[in-house]
Amino acid sequence: MTIVRSLVLFVLAAVFEIGGAWLVWQGWREHRGVAWVAAGILALAAYGFAATFQSDAHFGRILAAYGGVFVAGSLLWGVALDGFRPDRWDLAGAAICLVGVAVIMYAPRG
């Protein structure tokens, strides 16, 4: 698997998980209704499958690396859909997480 394909899968997983959680939040907390919650549940289920298409066979490695993508993606989602403005510490933390993703997933192994 190429690094590009792997990154696309991480982005897809992030859209499903963050989007799913956001839809549940909107449906429940913002009182938009059960259809939003149901759509969120479906998106979260799709997230569960998206990670399985990574070529690495180690669940722990994939989910650990995805955690960094989730952190950065959550901040971007907040900017795009909730008017959130990250400060320099948010951005620094996200950058550190993404460096961690690169080390976990793409460092040369024995």
C-alpha atoms as a PDB file:
ATOM      1  CA  MET A   1       0.000   0.000   0.000  1.00  0.00           C
ATOM      2  CA  THR A   2       1.294   3.412  -0.804  1.00  0.00           C
ATOM      3  CA  ILE A   3       1.559   6.141   1.772  1.00  0.00           C
ATOM      4  CA  VAL A   4      -0.941   8.187  -0.228  1.00  0.00           C
ATOM      5  CA  ARG A   5      -3.542   5.395  -0.083  1.00  0.00           C
ATOM      6  CA  SER A   6      -2.953   5.007   3.632  1.00  0.00           C
ATOM      7  CA  LEU A   7      -3.393   8.747   4.204  1.00  0.00           C
ATOM      8  CA  VAL A   8      -6.603   8.768   2.157  1.00  0.00           C
ATOM      9  CA  LEU A   9      -7.941   5.936   4.322  1.00  0.00           C
ATOM     10  CA  PHE A  10      -7.053   7.863   7.486  1.00  0.00           C
ATOM     11  CA  VAL A  11      -8.855  10.955   6.174  1.00  0.00           C
ATOM     12  CA  LEU A  12     -11.876   8.852   5.206  1.00  0.00           C
ATOM     13  CA  ALA A  13     -11.936   7.260   8.658  1.00  0.00           C
ATOM     14  CA  ALA A  14     -11.719  10.710  10.249  1.00  0.00           C
ATOM     15  CA  VAL A  15     -14.628  12.042   8.206  1.00  0.00           C
ATOM     16  CA  PHE A  16     -16.760   9.059   9.208  1.00  0.00           C
ATOM     17  CA  GLU A  17     -15.845   9.122  12.898  1.00  0.00           C
ATOM     18  CA  ILE A  18     -15.769  12.859  13.500  1.00  0.00           C
ATOM     19  CA  GLY A  19     -18.773  13.394  11.230  1.00  0.00           C
ATOM     20  CA  GLY A  20     -20.674  10.597  12.941  1.00  0.00           C
ATOM     21  CA  ALA A  21     -19.970  11.953  16.398  1.00  0.00           C
ATOM     22  CA  TRP A  22     -20.923  15.450  15.222  1.00  0.00           C
ATOM     23  CA  LEU A  23     -24.211  14.173  13.786  1.00  0.00           C
ATOM     24  CA  VAL A  24     -25.061  12.442  17.071  1.00  0.00           C
ATOM     25  CA  TRP A  25     -24.135  15.645  18.929  1.00  0.00           C
ATOM     26  CA  GLN A  26     -26.349  17.701  16.627  1.00  0.00           C
ATOM     27  CA  GLY A  27     -29.238  15.262  16.836  1.00  0.00           C
ATOM     28  CA  TRP A  28     -29.171  14.868  20.596  1.00  0.00           C
ATOM     29  CA  ARG A  29     -27.594  17.946  22.092  1.00  0.00           C
ATOM     30  CA  GLU A  30     -28.862  20.459  19.541  1.00  0.00           C
ATOM     31  CA  HIS A  31     -32.277  18.748  19.324  1.00  0.00           C
ATOM     32  CA  ARG A  32     -32.188  18.180  15.569  1.00  0.00           C
ATOM     33  CA  GLY A  33     -33.858  14.814  15.921  1.00  0.00           C
ATOM     34  CA  VAL A  34     -33.476  11.095  15.684  1.00  0.00           C
ATOM     35  CA  ALA A  35     -32.637  11.121  11.964  1.00  0.00           C
ATOM     36  CA  TRP A  36     -29.415  13.011  12.751  1.00  0.00           C
ATOM     37  CA  VAL A  37     -28.569  10.527  15.478  1.00  0.00           C
ATOM     38  CA  ALA A  38     -29.271   7.592  13.147  1.00  0.00           C
ATOM     39  CA  ALA A  39     -27.094   9.109  10.421  1.00  0.00           C
ATOM     40  CA  GLY A  40     -24.357   9.556  12.984  1.00  0.00           C
ATOM     41  CA  ILE A  41     -24.580   5.928  14.046  1.00  0.00           C
ATOM     42  CA  LEU A  42     -24.284   4.813  10.415  1.00  0.00           C
ATOM     43  CA  ALA A  43     -21.262   7.059   9.882  1.00  0.00           C
ATOM     44  CA  LEU A  44     -19.619   5.676  13.029  1.00  0.00           C
ATOM     45  CA  ALA A  45     -20.196   2.144  11.758  1.00  0.00           C
ATOM     46  CA  ALA A  46     -18.578   3.111   8.431  1.00  0.00           C
ATOM     47  CA  TYR A  47     -15.582   4.425  10.388  1.00  0.00           C
ATOM     48  CA  GLY A  48     -15.195   0.990  11.955  1.00  0.00           C
ATOM     49  CA  PHE A  49     -14.779  -0.528   8.514  1.00  0.00           C
ATOM     50  CA  ALA A  50     -12.588   2.205   7.014  1.00  0.00           C
ATOM     51  CA  ALA A  51      -9.637   1.349   9.251  1.00  0.00           C
ATOM     52  CA  THR A  52      -9.740  -2.295   8.181  1.00  0.00           C
ATOM     53  CA  PHE A  53      -8.540  -1.339   4.688  1.00  0.00           C
ATOM     54  CA  GLN A  54      -5.120  -0.240   5.970  1.00  0.00           C
ATOM     55  CA  SER A  55      -2.443  -2.698   4.884  1.00  0.00           C
ATOM     56  CA  ASP A  56      -0.754  -3.002   8.282  1.00  0.00           C
ATOM     57  CA  ALA A  57      -2.106  -6.056  10.087  1.00  0.00           C
ATOM     58  CA  HIS A  58      -1.694  -4.615  13.593  1.00  0.00           C
ATOM     59  CA  PHE A  59      -4.913  -3.180  15.008  1.00  0.00           C
ATOM     60  CA  GLY A  60      -3.069  -1.364  17.792  1.00  0.00           C
ATOM     61  CA  ARG A  61      -0.712   0.401  15.396  1.00  0.00           C
ATOM     62  CA  ILE A  62      -3.511   1.499  13.070  1.00  0.00           C
ATOM     63  CA  LEU A  63      -5.691   2.836  15.887  1.00  0.00           C
ATOM     64  CA  ALA A  64      -2.767   4.521  17.641  1.00  0.00           C
ATOM     65  CA  ALA A  65      -1.782   6.312  14.450  1.00  0.00           C
ATOM     66  CA  TYR A  66      -5.399   7.160  13.686  1.00  0.00           C
ATOM     67  CA  GLY A  67      -5.587   8.873  17.085  1.00  0.00           C
ATOM     68  CA  GLY A  68      -3.254  11.572  15.795  1.00  0.00           C
ATOM     69  CA  VAL A  69      -5.322  12.005  12.652  1.00  0.00           C
ATOM     70  CA  PHE A  70      -8.433  12.261  14.842  1.00  0.00           C
ATOM     71  CA  VAL A  71      -6.900  15.071  16.916  1.00  0.00           C
ATOM     72  CA  ALA A  72      -5.971  17.168  13.885  1.00  0.00           C
ATOM     73  CA  GLY A  73      -9.199  16.315  12.064  1.00  0.00           C
ATOM     74  CA  SER A  74     -11.337  17.286  15.034  1.00  0.00           C
ATOM     75  CA  LEU A  75      -9.774  20.727  15.123  1.00  0.00           C
ATOM     76  CA  LEU A  76     -10.330  21.150  11.378  1.00  0.00           C
ATOM     77  CA  TRP A  77     -13.938  19.980  11.718  1.00  0.00           C
ATOM     78  CA  GLY A  78     -14.501  22.536  14.461  1.00  0.00           C
ATOM     79  CA  VAL A  79     -13.096  25.304  12.259  1.00  0.00           C
ATOM     80  CA  ALA A  80     -15.188  24.271   9.250  1.00  0.00           C
ATOM     81  CA  LEU A  81     -18.514  23.593  10.943  1.00  0.00           C
ATOM     82  CA  ASP A  82     -18.603  25.156  14.401  1.00  0.00           C
ATOM     83  CA  GLY A  83     -16.711  28.414  14.057  1.00  0.00           C
ATOM     84  CA  PHE A  84     -13.926  27.160  16.346  1.00  0.00           C
ATOM     85  CA  ARG A  85     -10.645  29.058  16.148  1.00  0.00           C
ATOM     86  CA  PRO A  86      -7.681  26.991  17.343  1.00  0.00           C
ATOM     87  CA  ASP A  87      -4.908  28.820  19.139  1.00  0.00           C
ATOM     88  CA  ARG A  88      -1.206  28.211  18.650  1.00  0.00           C
ATOM     89  CA  TRP A  89      -1.195  25.487  21.299  1.00  0.00           C
ATOM     90  CA  ASP A  90      -3.998  23.613  19.550  1.00  0.00           C
ATOM     91  CA  LEU A  91      -2.039  23.828  16.310  1.00  0.00           C
ATOM     92  CA  ALA A  92       1.227  22.783  17.968  1.00  0.00           C
ATOM     93  CA  GLY A  93      -0.474  19.811  19.599  1.00  0.00           C
ATOM     94  CA  ALA A  94      -2.044  18.733  16.330  1.00  0.00           C
ATOM     95  CA  ALA A  95       1.314  19.008  14.556  1.00  0.00           C
ATOM     96  CA  ILE A  96       2.949  16.861  17.234  1.00  0.00           C
ATOM     97  CA  CYS A  97       0.183  14.278  16.801  1.00  0.00           C
ATOM     98  CA  LEU A  98       0.677  14.199  13.031  1.00  0.00           C
ATOM     99  CA  VAL A  99       4.419  13.706  13.464  1.00  0.00           C
ATOM    100  CA  GLY A 100       3.506  10.783  15.702  1.00  0.00           C
ATOM    101  CA  VAL A 101       1.296   9.366  12.950  1.00  0.00           C
ATOM    102  CA  ALA A 102       4.187   9.547  10.500  1.00  0.00           C
ATOM    103  CA  VAL A 103       6.568   7.823  12.912  1.00  0.00           C
ATOM    104  CA  ILE A 104       4.111   5.075  13.881  1.00  0.00           C
ATOM    105  CA  MET A 105       2.933   4.292  10.359  1.00  0.00           C
ATOM    106  CA  TYR A 106       5.713   5.125   7.968  1.00  0.00           C
ATOM    107  CA  ALA A 107       9.040   4.706   9.765  1.00  0.00           C
ATOM    108  CA  PRO A 108      11.192   1.987   8.200  1.00  0.00           C
ATOM    109  CA  ARG A 109      10.915  -1.308  10.049  1.00  0.00           C
ATOM    110  CA  GLY A 110      13.432  -4.145  10.250  1.00  0.00           C
END
